[in-house]
Protein backbone atom coordinates (compact mmCIF):
# COMPACT_ATOMS: atom_id res chain seq x y z
CA MET A 1 -39.79 -57.72 -69.63
CA SER A 2 -39.71 -60.30 -72.34
CA ASP A 3 -38.89 -63.86 -71.44
CA GLY A 4 -36.40 -63.89 -74.35
CA PRO A 5 -34.18 -65.06 -75.70
CA LEU A 6 -33.03 -61.51 -76.44
CA PRO A 7 -30.06 -61.19 -78.84
CA VAL A 8 -27.05 -59.33 -77.44
CA HIS A 9 -23.51 -58.60 -78.64
CA SER A 10 -21.97 -58.94 -75.17
CA VAL A 11 -22.76 -59.74 -71.56
CA ALA A 12 -22.33 -56.01 -70.87
CA GLU A 13 -25.18 -55.24 -73.27
CA ALA A 14 -27.42 -57.64 -71.37
CA HIS A 15 -26.74 -55.85 -68.08
CA LEU A 16 -27.26 -52.42 -69.66
CA TYR A 17 -30.59 -53.63 -71.03
CA LEU A 18 -31.75 -54.40 -67.51
CA MET A 19 -30.69 -50.93 -66.34
CA VAL A 20 -33.20 -49.15 -68.59
CA ARG A 21 -36.06 -51.65 -68.59
CA PRO A 22 -38.96 -50.67 -66.32
CA CYS A 23 -40.04 -53.24 -63.76
CA ASP A 24 -42.93 -55.48 -64.83
CA ALA A 25 -44.56 -55.14 -61.41
CA CYS A 26 -44.20 -51.45 -60.45
CA ASP A 27 -43.12 -49.87 -63.78
CA ARG A 28 -40.30 -48.08 -61.99
CA GLY A 29 -36.94 -49.61 -61.14
CA PRO A 30 -34.04 -49.54 -61.56
CA VAL A 31 -33.63 -53.22 -62.32
CA ALA A 32 -30.31 -55.04 -61.93
CA ALA A 33 -29.08 -58.60 -62.25
CA SER A 34 -28.50 -60.70 -59.16
CA ASP A 35 -25.37 -62.79 -58.69
CA ASP A 36 -27.31 -65.88 -59.81
CA ILE A 37 -26.16 -66.30 -63.43
CA ARG A 38 -26.97 -69.44 -65.39
CA HIS A 39 -26.05 -70.75 -68.81
CA GLY A 40 -28.15 -72.91 -71.10
CA ARG A 41 -28.76 -73.82 -74.71
CA ASP A 42 -31.60 -73.76 -77.21
CA GLY A 43 -30.37 -76.28 -79.73
CA ASP A 44 -27.06 -74.86 -80.97
CA LYS A 45 -27.83 -71.42 -79.55
CA PRO A 46 -26.04 -70.56 -76.26
CA LEU A 47 -28.20 -68.74 -73.73
CA LEU A 48 -27.53 -66.59 -70.69
CA HIS A 49 -30.11 -66.53 -67.88
CA LEU A 50 -30.02 -63.46 -65.61
CA GLU A 51 -32.25 -63.01 -62.59
CA ALA A 52 -33.43 -59.39 -62.68
CA ILE A 53 -34.38 -57.72 -59.38
CA CYS A 54 -36.24 -54.42 -59.12
CA LYS A 55 -34.57 -52.20 -56.54
CA ALA A 56 -37.82 -50.30 -55.98
CA CYS A 57 -40.26 -53.13 -55.21
CA GLY A 58 -38.08 -56.27 -55.09
CA HIS A 59 -39.88 -58.02 -57.97
CA ARG A 60 -37.78 -60.80 -59.49
CA VAL A 61 -37.91 -62.25 -62.99
CA TRP A 62 -35.59 -64.36 -65.12
CA VAL A 63 -34.54 -62.79 -68.43
CA ILE A 64 -33.01 -64.98 -71.12
CA PHE A 65 -30.46 -63.67 -73.62
CA ASP A 66 -29.18 -65.17 -76.86
CA VAL A 67 -25.39 -64.84 -76.53
CA SER A 68 -24.43 -66.50 -79.81
CA ARG A 69 -23.03 -63.13 -81.02
CA CYS A 70 -20.93 -62.61 -77.87
CA PRO A 71 -17.19 -63.26 -77.57
CA ARG A 72 -16.62 -66.52 -75.71
CA GLY A 73 -13.83 -67.93 -73.62
CA ASP A 74 -12.01 -71.24 -73.85
CA ASN A 75 -14.88 -72.98 -72.05
CA GLY A 76 -17.34 -71.84 -74.72
CA GLU A 77 -19.25 -69.56 -72.33
CA PRO A 78 -19.65 -65.83 -73.08
CA THR A 79 -16.91 -63.73 -71.51
CA ASN A 80 -17.71 -60.55 -69.61
CA THR A 81 -15.55 -58.06 -71.51
CA SER A 82 -15.64 -54.27 -71.19
CA GLN A 83 -16.49 -53.89 -74.88
CA ILE A 84 -20.24 -53.56 -75.45
CA ASN A 85 -20.44 -54.27 -79.17
CA ALA A 86 -17.46 -54.95 -81.43
CA THR A 87 -19.62 -54.94 -84.59
CA ASP A 88 -21.21 -52.18 -86.67
CA GLU A 89 -24.66 -53.72 -86.12
CA PRO A 90 -26.99 -51.64 -83.93
CA SER A 91 -28.47 -53.25 -80.86
CA ARG A 92 -31.64 -55.25 -81.37
CA ILE A 93 -32.89 -54.82 -77.80
CA LEU A 94 -31.86 -51.26 -76.88
CA ASP A 95 -33.03 -48.40 -79.06
CA VAL A 96 -31.34 -45.06 -79.72
CA GLY A 97 -33.22 -43.31 -76.91
CA GLN A 98 -32.23 -45.92 -74.35
CA TRP A 99 -28.56 -45.64 -75.34
CA LEU A 100 -28.74 -41.87 -74.84
CA VAL A 101 -30.30 -42.35 -71.40
CA LEU A 102 -27.53 -44.81 -70.50
CA PHE A 103 -24.89 -42.36 -71.75
CA GLN A 104 -26.19 -39.62 -69.44
CA VAL A 105 -26.75 -41.88 -66.43
CA ILE A 106 -23.31 -43.50 -66.62
CA LEU A 107 -21.57 -40.18 -67.35
CA THR A 108 -23.20 -38.71 -64.23
CA ALA A 109 -22.08 -41.72 -62.20
CA ALA A 110 -18.53 -41.25 -63.50
CA SER A 111 -18.50 -37.59 -62.47
CA LYS A 112 -19.47 -38.55 -58.91
CA GLU A 113 -17.18 -41.59 -58.60
CA PRO A 114 -14.30 -40.87 -56.15
CA ASP A 115 -12.21 -43.83 -57.31
CA ARG A 116 -10.23 -42.74 -60.38
CA ILE A 117 -9.94 -46.22 -61.87
CA GLU A 118 -13.68 -46.83 -61.61
CA ALA A 119 -14.37 -43.33 -62.97
CA ARG A 120 -12.26 -44.13 -66.04
CA ARG A 121 -14.10 -47.42 -66.53
CA LEU A 122 -17.47 -45.68 -66.30
CA GLY A 123 -16.32 -42.96 -68.70
CA TYR A 124 -15.32 -45.62 -71.23
CA GLU A 125 -18.69 -47.34 -70.83
CA ALA A 126 -20.56 -44.06 -71.29
CA ALA A 127 -18.61 -43.25 -74.47
CA GLN A 128 -19.49 -46.66 -75.87
CA CYS A 129 -23.19 -46.00 -75.20
CA LEU A 130 -22.94 -42.84 -77.32
CA GLU A 131 -21.29 -44.85 -80.10
CA GLU A 132 -24.10 -47.41 -79.91
CA ALA A 133 -26.69 -44.64 -80.32
CA LEU A 134 -24.90 -43.33 -83.43
CA LYS A 135 -25.01 -46.78 -85.07
CA PHE A 136 -28.73 -46.28 -85.72
CA TYR A 137 -28.28 -43.17 -87.89
CA ALA A 138 -27.84 -43.05 -91.65
CA ASP A 139 -27.36 -39.70 -93.41
CA ASN A 140 -30.31 -37.88 -91.83
CA ASP A 141 -29.98 -35.74 -88.73
CA ALA A 142 -32.99 -37.41 -87.12
CA PRO A 143 -33.00 -41.10 -86.22
CA PRO A 144 -35.08 -43.40 -88.45
CA ALA A 145 -38.45 -44.49 -87.12
CA ASP A 146 -37.28 -48.06 -86.52
CA ALA A 147 -34.50 -46.74 -84.22
CA LEU A 148 -37.17 -45.77 -81.67
CA PHE A 149 -38.85 -49.04 -80.77
CA THR A 150 -39.84 -48.36 -77.17
CA PRO A 151 -42.78 -46.12 -76.15
CA ARG A 152 -40.69 -44.05 -73.74
CA SER A 153 -38.07 -43.27 -76.39
CA ARG A 154 -40.77 -42.25 -78.86
CA ARG A 155 -42.30 -39.91 -76.28
CA ARG A 156 -38.90 -38.37 -75.50
CA PHE A 157 -38.27 -37.82 -79.21
CA GLU A 158 -41.67 -36.17 -79.69
CA GLN A 159 -41.12 -33.89 -76.69
CA ASN A 160 -37.47 -33.03 -77.36
CA PRO A 161 -36.39 -33.99 -80.92
CA GLU A 162 -33.29 -31.78 -80.83
CA SER A 163 -31.75 -34.03 -78.18
CA PHE A 164 -31.76 -36.81 -80.81
CA SER A 165 -29.96 -34.73 -83.44
CA ARG A 166 -27.18 -36.72 -85.10
CA GLY A 167 -25.13 -33.52 -85.41
CA ARG A 168 -25.45 -32.93 -81.67
CA LEU A 169 -24.33 -36.49 -80.88
CA ILE A 170 -21.36 -36.23 -83.24
CA ASP A 171 -20.37 -32.95 -81.58
CA MET A 172 -20.57 -34.63 -78.17
CA ARG A 173 -18.43 -37.50 -79.42
CA SER A 174 -15.84 -35.10 -80.88
CA LYS A 175 -15.17 -33.76 -77.39
CA LEU A 176 -14.26 -37.24 -76.15
CA PRO A 177 -11.00 -39.11 -76.76
CA THR A 178 -11.15 -42.16 -79.00
CA LEU A 179 -12.35 -45.43 -77.53
CA GLY A 180 -8.90 -46.90 -78.18
CA HIS A 181 -7.28 -44.18 -76.08
CA MET A 182 -9.79 -44.77 -73.31
CA GLU A 183 -9.08 -48.51 -73.36
CA ARG A 184 -5.36 -47.85 -73.00
CA GLN A 185 -5.97 -45.50 -70.07
CA ILE A 186 -7.92 -48.28 -68.33
CA THR A 187 -5.50 -51.12 -69.01
CA ASN A 188 -2.31 -49.07 -68.57
CA PRO A 189 -3.13 -45.84 -66.71
CA ALA A 190 -0.48 -43.14 -66.56
CA PRO A 191 0.55 -42.23 -62.99
CA ARG A 192 -0.21 -38.54 -63.59
CA ALA A 193 -3.84 -39.38 -64.43
CA ILE A 194 -4.47 -40.40 -60.83
CA ARG A 195 -4.20 -36.75 -59.78
CA LYS A 196 -6.67 -35.47 -62.36
CA LYS A 197 -10.41 -35.02 -62.25
CA TRP A 198 -12.43 -37.74 -63.97
CA TRP A 199 -13.17 -35.62 -67.05
CA GLN A 200 -9.44 -35.00 -67.56
CA VAL A 201 -8.17 -38.55 -67.29
CA TRP A 202 -8.44 -39.13 -71.05
CA LYS A 203 -5.88 -36.40 -71.86
């Protein structure tokens, strides 16, 4: 992992970055942030320090994020909102392949989550990951070369390029409700949604 600072659009993006980064020590993972969260500054630039712990080998490392692009609360510190990236700018630390991995991993977690409220939250997060992947595409069906900036994503693209098809991703997105509808279901869930399966709660 890089020592940073790594530019992010939200605190959520920082945590998602840790989810798909291999451990420096064992090259496995998964890696997650501990509860020890610290704030700092580099001149005028606000920083977020997260202690990352590998769940496979226990290796710990501090990762520093530049949170100057993040929404901030009244105290000036970045707020932990459910929105990953409110801008049209693609991520600078997660490439298209990593967003697709996150989409699948979080979608699977949502399908197995017994708590309906948490399943809806995970579904919303997964849908946002798909939107983040699509931000890298222009008019071509394949992602541009600079959208694949990690070795693992480049290998996945070489082995299975059709899984990176823009048309396929748009088709997947078309089967999901809008992000606005998902947000409303989370903040003001309808009573009837509680009785539905997780993949039906958006209807």
